[in-house]
């Protein structure tokens, strides 16, 4: 094999790896570690790190961005276009209507007791809370016989907000 054909194979191998990583980021819709990306794509960890940096540069001038938070990576809509996504969003949300309502109550009343949310929303809210905590959107702290619920830093990152931002109220 000639040197040129080896270089062409290497280039094709790297391009295929980049496509796999890009597809994994696109479909996941959440932050993932390099190790998680490696296990999903079977791409070498050193190559994954290079690909992530390359993708970050490629998307820099687009409506999509590659977001790095600590050692986690995610593909997302560029911050300046989140208003457009929110405007286009329909009832087909990542969260069910019930989950949206539970999360809105937590956001509005935080910090609040879990027992109060259960009284307002019913027993289904236990599942909502569990999901929000697993996603890192809500912090749950033991408070006597119940728990206290409040928004996490991840909530603000997830919804592209700053902690001091006014939360939009329905009809307002």
N, C-alpha and C. Protein backbone atom coordinates (compact mmCIF):
# COMPACT_ATOMS: atom_id res chain seq x y z
N UNK A 1 0.83 -1.19 0.00
CA UNK A 1 0.00 0.00 0.00
C UNK A 1 0.87 1.25 0.00
N UNK A 2 0.46 2.21 -0.79
CA UNK A 2 1.22 3.45 -0.85
C UNK A 2 0.86 4.34 0.34
N UNK A 3 1.73 5.29 0.56
CA UNK A 3 1.52 6.23 1.66
C UNK A 3 0.22 7.02 1.46
N UNK A 4 -0.05 7.38 0.20
CA UNK A 4 -1.26 8.14 -0.12
C UNK A 4 -2.51 7.33 0.19
N UNK A 5 -2.50 6.04 -0.12
CA UNK A 5 -3.69 5.23 0.15
C UNK A 5 -3.88 5.01 1.64
N UNK A 6 -2.80 4.91 2.41
CA UNK A 6 -2.92 4.80 3.87
C UNK A 6 -3.50 6.08 4.44
N UNK A 7 -3.03 7.24 3.95
CA UNK A 7 -3.56 8.53 4.42
C UNK A 7 -5.03 8.67 4.05
N UNK A 8 -5.41 8.21 2.86
CA UNK A 8 -6.81 8.27 2.43
C UNK A 8 -7.68 7.39 3.32
N UNK A 9 -7.18 6.21 3.68
CA UNK A 9 -7.91 5.32 4.59
C UNK A 9 -8.07 5.95 5.97
N UNK A 10 -6.99 6.56 6.47
CA UNK A 10 -7.05 7.24 7.77
C UNK A 10 -8.08 8.36 7.75
N UNK A 11 -8.07 9.12 6.65
CA UNK A 11 -9.01 10.24 6.52
C UNK A 11 -10.45 9.72 6.48
N UNK A 12 -10.69 8.66 5.75
CA UNK A 12 -12.03 8.07 5.65
C UNK A 12 -12.47 7.51 7.01
N UNK A 13 -11.54 6.89 7.73
CA UNK A 13 -11.82 6.33 9.06
C UNK A 13 -12.21 7.46 10.01
N UNK A 14 -11.46 8.56 9.97
CA UNK A 14 -11.75 9.70 10.85
C UNK A 14 -13.09 10.35 10.47
N UNK A 15 -13.37 10.46 9.18
CA UNK A 15 -14.63 11.03 8.72
C UNK A 15 -15.81 10.17 9.18
N UNK A 16 -15.68 8.85 9.08
CA UNK A 16 -16.73 7.94 9.55
C UNK A 16 -16.93 8.09 11.05
N UNK A 17 -15.84 8.21 11.81
CA UNK A 17 -15.93 8.43 13.26
C UNK A 17 -16.64 9.73 13.57
N UNK A 18 -16.32 10.78 12.82
CA UNK A 18 -16.96 12.09 13.03
C UNK A 18 -18.46 11.99 12.76
N UNK A 19 -18.84 11.27 11.73
CA UNK A 19 -20.27 11.10 11.43
C UNK A 19 -20.98 10.37 12.56
N UNK A 20 -20.35 9.34 13.10
CA UNK A 20 -20.95 8.58 14.21
C UNK A 20 -21.13 9.47 15.44
N UNK A 21 -20.09 10.22 15.78
CA UNK A 21 -20.15 11.09 16.97
C UNK A 21 -21.21 12.16 16.78
N UNK A 22 -21.25 12.77 15.60
CA UNK A 22 -22.24 13.79 15.30
C UNK A 22 -23.66 13.22 15.41
N UNK A 23 -23.87 12.03 14.87
CA UNK A 23 -25.19 11.39 14.95
C UNK A 23 -25.57 11.09 16.39
N UNK A 24 -24.61 10.63 17.19
CA UNK A 24 -24.88 10.32 18.60
C UNK A 24 -25.28 11.58 19.36
N UNK A 25 -24.55 12.67 19.13
CA UNK A 25 -24.88 13.94 19.79
C UNK A 25 -26.25 14.44 19.35
N UNK A 26 -26.53 14.33 18.08
CA UNK A 26 -27.79 14.82 17.53
C UNK A 26 -28.98 14.07 18.14
N UNK A 27 -28.90 12.76 18.17
CA UNK A 27 -30.06 11.97 18.58
C UNK A 27 -30.23 11.95 20.10
N UNK A 28 -29.14 12.11 20.86
CA UNK A 28 -29.26 12.01 22.33
C UNK A 28 -30.02 13.18 22.93
N UNK A 29 -29.75 14.40 22.47
CA UNK A 29 -30.43 15.57 23.01
C UNK A 29 -30.10 15.86 24.46
N UNK A 30 -29.01 15.31 24.96
CA UNK A 30 -28.62 15.52 26.36
C UNK A 30 -27.10 15.52 26.45
N UNK A 31 -26.59 15.93 27.60
CA UNK A 31 -25.16 15.91 27.81
C UNK A 31 -24.67 14.47 27.94
N UNK A 32 -23.53 14.19 27.30
CA UNK A 32 -22.92 12.86 27.38
C UNK A 32 -21.42 13.01 27.64
N UNK A 33 -20.88 12.05 28.37
CA UNK A 33 -19.44 12.03 28.61
C UNK A 33 -18.74 11.45 27.39
N UNK A 34 -17.43 11.69 27.28
CA UNK A 34 -16.64 11.11 26.20
C UNK A 34 -16.76 9.59 26.25
N UNK A 35 -16.70 9.03 27.45
CA UNK A 35 -16.78 7.58 27.58
C UNK A 35 -18.12 7.05 27.06
N UNK A 36 -19.19 7.76 27.33
CA UNK A 36 -20.51 7.34 26.83
C UNK A 36 -20.55 7.42 25.30
N UNK A 37 -19.95 8.46 24.75
CA UNK A 37 -19.90 8.59 23.29
C UNK A 37 -19.07 7.46 22.70
N UNK A 38 -17.95 7.14 23.34
CA UNK A 38 -17.10 6.04 22.89
C UNK A 38 -17.88 4.73 22.88
N UNK A 39 -18.61 4.46 23.97
CA UNK A 39 -19.34 3.19 24.06
C UNK A 39 -20.47 3.12 23.03
N UNK A 40 -21.07 4.26 22.68
CA UNK A 40 -22.13 4.27 21.68
C UNK A 40 -21.60 4.12 20.25
N UNK A 41 -20.43 4.71 19.98
CA UNK A 41 -19.95 4.81 18.61
C UNK A 41 -18.79 3.87 18.28
N UNK A 42 -18.14 3.32 19.30
CA UNK A 42 -16.93 2.50 19.11
C UNK A 42 -15.79 3.28 18.45
N UNK A 43 -15.78 4.59 18.67
CA UNK A 43 -14.70 5.43 18.16
C UNK A 43 -13.68 5.60 19.28
N UNK A 44 -12.41 5.56 18.94
CA UNK A 44 -11.31 5.70 19.90
C UNK A 44 -11.47 6.99 20.72
N UNK A 45 -11.27 6.93 22.04
CA UNK A 45 -11.47 8.12 22.90
C UNK A 45 -10.63 9.33 22.48
N UNK A 46 -9.40 9.09 22.05
CA UNK A 46 -8.56 10.21 21.62
C UNK A 46 -9.15 10.86 20.37
N UNK A 47 -9.65 10.03 19.46
CA UNK A 47 -10.28 10.54 18.25
C UNK A 47 -11.59 11.25 18.58
N UNK A 48 -12.35 10.73 19.56
CA UNK A 48 -13.61 11.37 19.96
C UNK A 48 -13.34 12.79 20.45
N UNK A 49 -12.31 12.96 21.28
CA UNK A 49 -11.99 14.30 21.79
C UNK A 49 -11.63 15.25 20.65
N UNK A 50 -10.86 14.76 19.68
CA UNK A 50 -10.50 15.60 18.51
C UNK A 50 -11.76 15.92 17.71
N UNK A 51 -12.61 14.94 17.49
CA UNK A 51 -13.83 15.14 16.73
C UNK A 51 -14.74 16.16 17.41
N UNK A 52 -14.86 16.07 18.73
CA UNK A 52 -15.70 17.03 19.47
C UNK A 52 -15.19 18.45 19.28
N UNK A 53 -13.87 18.63 19.38
CA UNK A 53 -13.30 19.96 19.17
C UNK A 53 -13.53 20.43 17.74
N UNK A 54 -13.36 19.52 16.77
CA UNK A 54 -13.58 19.87 15.36
C UNK A 54 -15.05 20.24 15.12
N UNK A 55 -15.98 19.45 15.69
CA UNK A 55 -17.42 19.74 15.51
C UNK A 55 -17.78 21.08 16.15
N UNK A 56 -17.18 21.37 17.29
CA UNK A 56 -17.44 22.65 17.95
C UNK A 56 -17.08 23.80 17.01
N UNK A 57 -15.95 23.67 16.32
CA UNK A 57 -15.50 24.70 15.38
C UNK A 57 -16.41 24.74 14.15
N UNK A 58 -16.80 23.58 13.63
CA UNK A 58 -17.65 23.50 12.44
C UNK A 58 -18.99 24.20 12.69
N UNK A 59 -19.57 23.96 13.86
CA UNK A 59 -20.90 24.50 14.16
C UNK A 59 -20.86 25.93 14.70
N UNK A 60 -19.68 26.49 14.92
CA UNK A 60 -19.56 27.81 15.53
C UNK A 60 -20.36 28.87 14.77
N UNK A 61 -20.41 28.79 13.46
CA UNK A 61 -21.08 29.80 12.63
C UNK A 61 -22.47 29.34 12.18
N UNK A 62 -23.10 28.42 12.95
CA UNK A 62 -24.40 27.90 12.52
C UNK A 62 -25.46 28.11 13.60
N UNK A 63 -26.64 27.65 13.33
CA UNK A 63 -27.74 27.73 14.29
C UNK A 63 -27.70 26.60 15.30
N UNK A 64 -26.73 25.72 15.17
CA UNK A 64 -26.53 24.60 16.09
C UNK A 64 -25.18 24.82 16.76
N UNK A 65 -25.04 24.36 17.98
CA UNK A 65 -23.75 24.46 18.64
C UNK A 65 -23.45 23.18 19.41
N UNK A 66 -22.17 22.94 19.59
CA UNK A 66 -21.72 21.84 20.43
C UNK A 66 -21.35 22.48 21.77
N UNK A 67 -22.06 22.09 22.81
CA UNK A 67 -21.91 22.69 24.13
C UNK A 67 -21.08 21.76 25.00
N UNK A 68 -20.08 22.33 25.66
CA UNK A 68 -19.28 21.56 26.61
C UNK A 68 -19.52 22.13 27.99
N UNK A 69 -19.85 21.25 28.92
CA UNK A 69 -20.05 21.64 30.31
C UNK A 69 -19.27 20.66 31.16
N UNK A 70 -18.22 21.14 31.78
CA UNK A 70 -17.29 20.29 32.51
C UNK A 70 -16.75 19.24 31.54
N UNK A 71 -17.02 17.97 31.78
CA UNK A 71 -16.51 16.92 30.90
C UNK A 71 -17.64 16.28 30.10
N UNK A 72 -18.72 17.03 29.91
CA UNK A 72 -19.89 16.52 29.20
C UNK A 72 -20.11 17.34 27.93
N UNK A 73 -20.71 16.70 26.92
CA UNK A 73 -20.91 17.33 25.62
C UNK A 73 -22.34 17.14 25.15
N UNK A 74 -22.83 18.12 24.41
CA UNK A 74 -24.21 18.07 23.92
C UNK A 74 -24.32 18.91 22.65
N UNK A 75 -25.16 18.46 21.72
CA UNK A 75 -25.50 19.27 20.55
C UNK A 75 -26.81 19.98 20.88
N UNK A 76 -26.87 21.28 20.61
CA UNK A 76 -28.05 22.04 20.96
C UNK A 76 -28.26 23.18 19.97
N UNK A 77 -29.41 23.79 20.06
CA UNK A 77 -29.69 24.97 19.26
C UNK A 77 -28.83 26.10 19.82
N UNK A 78 -28.25 26.89 18.93
CA UNK A 78 -27.44 28.02 19.37
C UNK A 78 -28.30 28.93 20.24
N UNK A 79 -27.71 29.43 21.31
CA UNK A 79 -28.42 30.22 22.30
C UNK A 79 -29.26 31.34 21.73
N UNK A 80 -28.75 32.01 20.70
CA UNK A 80 -29.50 33.14 20.15
C UNK A 80 -30.74 32.73 19.36
N UNK A 81 -30.93 31.40 19.15
CA UNK A 81 -32.10 30.93 18.40
C UNK A 81 -33.07 30.10 19.23
N UNK A 82 -32.87 30.04 20.54
CA UNK A 82 -33.80 29.27 21.36
C UNK A 82 -35.21 29.84 21.31
N UNK A 83 -35.33 31.14 21.14
CA UNK A 83 -36.67 31.76 21.03
C UNK A 83 -37.42 31.17 19.84
N UNK A 84 -36.71 30.90 18.77
CA UNK A 84 -37.34 30.36 17.57
C UNK A 84 -37.83 28.94 17.82
N UNK A 85 -37.00 28.14 18.49
CA UNK A 85 -37.39 26.77 18.81
C UNK A 85 -38.61 26.78 19.72
N UNK A 86 -38.59 27.65 20.72
CA UNK A 86 -39.73 27.74 21.63
C UNK A 86 -40.99 28.16 20.89
N UNK A 87 -40.84 29.06 19.92
CA UNK A 87 -41.97 29.52 19.14
C UNK A 87 -42.53 28.40 18.26
N UNK A 88 -41.64 27.55 17.75
CA UNK A 88 -42.04 26.46 16.86
C UNK A 88 -42.53 25.23 17.61
N UNK A 89 -42.17 25.15 18.88
CA UNK A 89 -42.50 23.95 19.66
C UNK A 89 -44.01 23.76 19.71
N UNK A 90 -44.41 22.52 19.56
CA UNK A 90 -45.83 22.17 19.61
C UNK A 90 -46.08 21.31 20.83
N UNK A 91 -47.21 20.65 20.88
CA UNK A 91 -47.54 19.75 21.98
C UNK A 91 -46.63 18.54 22.04
N UNK A 92 -45.85 18.28 21.00
CA UNK A 92 -44.94 17.14 20.99
C UNK A 92 -43.65 17.53 21.69
N UNK A 93 -43.70 17.64 22.98
CA UNK A 93 -42.58 18.09 23.77
C UNK A 93 -41.84 16.91 24.37
N UNK A 94 -40.65 17.19 24.86
CA UNK A 94 -39.85 16.19 25.55
C UNK A 94 -40.54 15.79 26.86
N UNK A 95 -41.38 16.69 27.36
CA UNK A 95 -42.10 16.44 28.60
C UNK A 95 -43.60 16.33 28.31
N UNK A 96 -44.26 15.44 29.02
CA UNK A 96 -45.71 15.34 28.88
C UNK A 96 -46.34 16.62 29.44
N UNK A 97 -47.59 16.84 29.11
CA UNK A 97 -48.29 18.03 29.62
C UNK A 97 -48.28 18.03 31.15
N UNK A 98 -48.51 16.86 31.76
CA UNK A 98 -48.49 16.75 33.21
C UNK A 98 -47.13 17.09 33.79
N UNK A 99 -46.07 16.61 33.15
CA UNK A 99 -44.71 16.92 33.62
C UNK A 99 -44.43 18.42 33.48
N UNK A 100 -44.87 19.00 32.37
CA UNK A 100 -44.68 20.43 32.18
C UNK A 100 -45.36 21.22 33.29
N UNK A 101 -46.56 20.81 33.64
CA UNK A 101 -47.31 21.52 34.68
C UNK A 101 -46.63 21.35 36.03
N UNK A 102 -46.16 20.15 36.34
CA UNK A 102 -45.46 19.92 37.62
C UNK A 102 -44.18 20.75 37.68
N UNK A 103 -43.41 20.76 36.60
CA UNK A 103 -42.17 21.52 36.58
C UNK A 103 -42.44 23.02 36.69
N UNK A 104 -43.51 23.48 36.05
CA UNK A 104 -43.87 24.90 36.13
C UNK A 104 -44.22 25.29 37.57
N UNK A 105 -44.93 24.42 38.26
CA UNK A 105 -45.30 24.72 39.66
C UNK A 105 -44.06 24.79 40.52
N UNK A 106 -43.15 23.83 40.34
CA UNK A 106 -41.89 23.84 41.10
C UNK A 106 -41.14 25.13 40.82
N UNK A 107 -41.04 25.51 39.55
CA UNK A 107 -40.31 26.72 39.17
C UNK A 107 -40.94 27.97 39.79
N UNK A 108 -42.24 28.00 39.81
CA UNK A 108 -42.95 29.17 40.31
C UNK A 108 -42.90 29.27 41.83
N UNK A 109 -43.02 28.14 42.52
CA UNK A 109 -43.15 28.15 43.98
C UNK A 109 -41.86 27.80 44.72
N UNK A 110 -40.79 27.49 44.02
CA UNK A 110 -39.56 27.04 44.67
C UNK A 110 -39.04 28.01 45.70
N UNK A 111 -38.40 27.55 46.76
CA UNK A 111 -38.39 26.14 47.17
C UNK A 111 -39.77 25.76 47.70
N UNK A 112 -40.18 24.54 47.39
CA UNK A 112 -41.49 24.09 47.85
C UNK A 112 -41.40 22.67 48.38
N UNK A 113 -42.35 22.33 49.23
CA UNK A 113 -42.39 20.98 49.77
C UNK A 113 -42.99 20.03 48.73
N UNK A 114 -42.39 18.84 48.65
CA UNK A 114 -42.89 17.81 47.75
C UNK A 114 -44.34 17.48 48.06
N UNK A 115 -44.69 17.45 49.34
CA UNK A 115 -46.06 17.12 49.74
C UNK A 115 -47.07 18.11 49.17
N UNK A 116 -46.68 19.38 49.07
CA UNK A 116 -47.57 20.40 48.50
C UNK A 116 -47.78 20.12 47.01
N UNK A 117 -46.70 19.78 46.31
CA UNK A 117 -46.84 19.47 44.89
C UNK A 117 -47.73 18.24 44.69
N UNK A 118 -47.61 17.24 45.54
CA UNK A 118 -48.43 16.03 45.42
C UNK A 118 -49.90 16.37 45.65
N UNK A 119 -50.16 17.27 46.61
CA UNK A 119 -51.55 17.70 46.85
C UNK A 119 -52.12 18.42 45.63
N UNK A 120 -51.30 19.23 44.98
CA UNK A 120 -51.75 19.99 43.82
C UNK A 120 -51.89 19.08 42.60
N UNK A 121 -50.89 18.24 42.35
CA UNK A 121 -50.81 17.49 41.10
C UNK A 121 -51.23 16.02 41.21
N UNK A 122 -51.31 15.48 42.41
CA UNK A 122 -51.66 14.07 42.57
C UNK A 122 -50.43 13.17 42.58
N UNK A 123 -50.68 11.87 42.79
CA UNK A 123 -49.59 10.91 42.97
C UNK A 123 -48.69 10.76 41.74
N UNK A 124 -49.17 11.11 40.55
CA UNK A 124 -48.36 11.04 39.33
C UNK A 124 -47.14 11.95 39.44
N UNK A 125 -47.25 12.97 40.28
CA UNK A 125 -46.14 13.91 40.43
C UNK A 125 -44.90 13.25 41.01
N UNK A 126 -45.06 12.15 41.75
CA UNK A 126 -43.88 11.42 42.26
C UNK A 126 -43.01 10.98 41.08
N UNK A 127 -43.64 10.47 40.02
CA UNK A 127 -42.90 10.06 38.83
C UNK A 127 -42.24 11.26 38.15
N UNK A 128 -42.97 12.37 38.11
CA UNK A 128 -42.42 13.58 37.50
C UNK A 128 -41.18 14.03 38.27
N UNK A 129 -41.29 14.09 39.58
CA UNK A 129 -40.18 14.52 40.43
C UNK A 129 -38.98 13.60 40.22
N UNK A 130 -39.22 12.30 40.22
CA UNK A 130 -38.13 11.33 40.04
C UNK A 130 -37.41 11.60 38.71
N UNK A 131 -38.18 11.85 37.64
CA UNK A 131 -37.58 12.12 36.33
C UNK A 131 -36.79 13.42 36.35
N UNK A 132 -37.35 14.46 36.96
CA UNK A 132 -36.66 15.76 37.00
C UNK A 132 -35.34 15.64 37.77
N UNK A 133 -35.37 14.89 38.87
CA UNK A 133 -34.16 14.70 39.67
C UNK A 133 -33.13 13.90 38.87
N UNK A 134 -33.57 12.84 38.18
CA UNK A 134 -32.66 12.04 37.35
C UNK A 134 -32.04 12.88 36.24
N UNK A 135 -32.82 13.79 35.67
CA UNK A 135 -32.32 14.67 34.61
C UNK A 135 -31.46 15.80 35.16
N UNK A 136 -31.48 15.96 36.48
CA UNK A 136 -30.69 17.01 37.11
C UNK A 136 -31.35 18.37 37.07
N UNK A 137 -32.64 18.43 36.75
CA UNK A 137 -33.34 19.72 36.64
C UNK A 137 -33.83 20.24 37.99
N UNK A 138 -34.08 19.31 38.92
CA UNK A 138 -34.63 19.67 40.22
C UNK A 138 -33.74 19.07 41.32
N UNK A 139 -33.54 19.85 42.36
CA UNK A 139 -32.80 19.38 43.54
C UNK A 139 -33.84 19.00 44.59
N UNK A 140 -33.68 17.81 45.15
CA UNK A 140 -34.60 17.29 46.16
C UNK A 140 -33.82 17.06 47.45
N UNK A 141 -34.21 17.79 48.51
CA UNK A 141 -33.54 17.68 49.81
C UNK A 141 -34.55 17.21 50.85
N UNK A 142 -34.13 16.30 51.69
CA UNK A 142 -34.99 15.80 52.77
C UNK A 142 -35.34 16.96 53.70
N UNK A 143 -36.63 17.06 54.05
CA UNK A 143 -37.10 18.11 54.96
C UNK A 143 -38.19 17.51 55.84
N UNK A 144 -37.80 16.94 56.96
CA UNK A 144 -38.76 16.29 57.85
C UNK A 144 -39.33 15.05 57.21
N UNK A 145 -40.67 14.94 57.15
CA UNK A 145 -41.32 13.78 56.56
C UNK A 145 -41.49 13.90 55.05
N UNK A 146 -41.09 15.02 54.50
CA UNK A 146 -41.24 15.25 53.06
C UNK A 146 -39.89 15.68 52.50
N UNK A 147 -39.89 16.28 51.35
CA UNK A 147 -38.67 16.78 50.74
C UNK A 147 -38.93 18.19 50.23
N UNK A 148 -37.86 18.97 50.11
CA UNK A 148 -37.95 20.30 49.56
C UNK A 148 -37.45 20.26 48.13
N UNK A 149 -38.20 20.86 47.22
CA UNK A 149 -37.87 20.85 45.80
C UNK A 149 -37.48 22.25 45.35
N UNK A 150 -36.41 22.33 44.58
CA UNK A 150 -36.01 23.61 43.99
C UNK A 150 -35.31 23.34 42.66
N UNK A 151 -35.21 24.36 41.85
CA UNK A 151 -34.56 24.24 40.55
C UNK A 151 -33.05 24.15 40.72
N UNK A 152 -32.42 23.35 39.87
CA UNK A 152 -30.97 23.21 39.90
C UNK A 152 -30.34 24.16 38.87
N UNK A 153 -29.03 24.28 38.94
CA UNK A 153 -28.31 25.05 37.91
C UNK A 153 -28.56 24.44 36.54
N UNK A 154 -28.66 23.12 36.48
CA UNK A 154 -28.90 22.40 35.22
C UNK A 154 -30.22 22.83 34.58
N UNK A 155 -31.23 23.13 35.39
CA UNK A 155 -32.51 23.61 34.86
C UNK A 155 -32.28 24.85 34.01
N UNK A 156 -31.52 25.79 34.55
CA UNK A 156 -31.29 27.04 33.84
C UNK A 156 -30.46 26.82 32.57
N UNK A 157 -29.48 25.92 32.64
CA UNK A 157 -28.71 25.57 31.44
C UNK A 157 -29.60 24.90 30.41
N UNK A 158 -30.41 23.98 30.86
CA UNK A 158 -31.26 23.18 29.98
C UNK A 158 -32.22 24.07 29.19
N UNK A 159 -32.79 25.08 29.88
CA UNK A 159 -33.76 25.96 29.24
C UNK A 159 -33.13 27.28 28.78
N UNK A 160 -31.79 27.32 28.74
CA UNK A 160 -31.05 28.49 28.25
C UNK A 160 -31.47 29.76 28.97
N UNK A 161 -31.45 29.70 30.28
CA UNK A 161 -31.84 30.84 31.10
C UNK A 161 -30.73 31.16 32.09
N UNK A 162 -30.75 32.38 32.59
CA UNK A 162 -29.89 32.74 33.70
C UNK A 162 -30.72 32.65 34.97
N UNK A 163 -30.08 32.40 36.09
CA UNK A 163 -30.81 32.20 37.34
C UNK A 163 -31.70 33.37 37.69
N UNK A 164 -31.30 34.57 37.37
CA UNK A 164 -32.11 35.75 37.70
C UNK A 164 -33.23 36.05 36.70
N UNK A 165 -33.28 35.32 35.59
CA UNK A 165 -34.30 35.58 34.56
C UNK A 165 -35.70 35.40 35.14
N UNK A 166 -36.61 36.22 34.67
CA UNK A 166 -38.03 36.09 35.04
C UNK A 166 -38.57 34.87 34.30
N UNK A 167 -39.20 33.97 35.02
CA UNK A 167 -39.83 32.81 34.39
C UNK A 167 -41.12 33.27 33.73
N UNK A 168 -41.33 32.86 32.47
CA UNK A 168 -42.55 33.29 31.79
C UNK A 168 -43.78 32.68 32.44
N UNK A 169 -44.81 33.48 32.62
CA UNK A 169 -46.06 32.99 33.19
C UNK A 169 -47.08 32.85 32.09
N UNK A 170 -47.94 31.86 32.20
CA UNK A 170 -48.94 31.61 31.18
C UNK A 170 -49.84 32.83 31.05
N UNK A 171 -50.08 33.21 29.80
CA UNK A 171 -50.96 34.34 29.53
C UNK A 171 -50.29 35.68 29.76
N UNK A 172 -48.98 35.69 30.13
CA UNK A 172 -48.36 36.96 30.42
C UNK A 172 -47.16 37.22 29.69
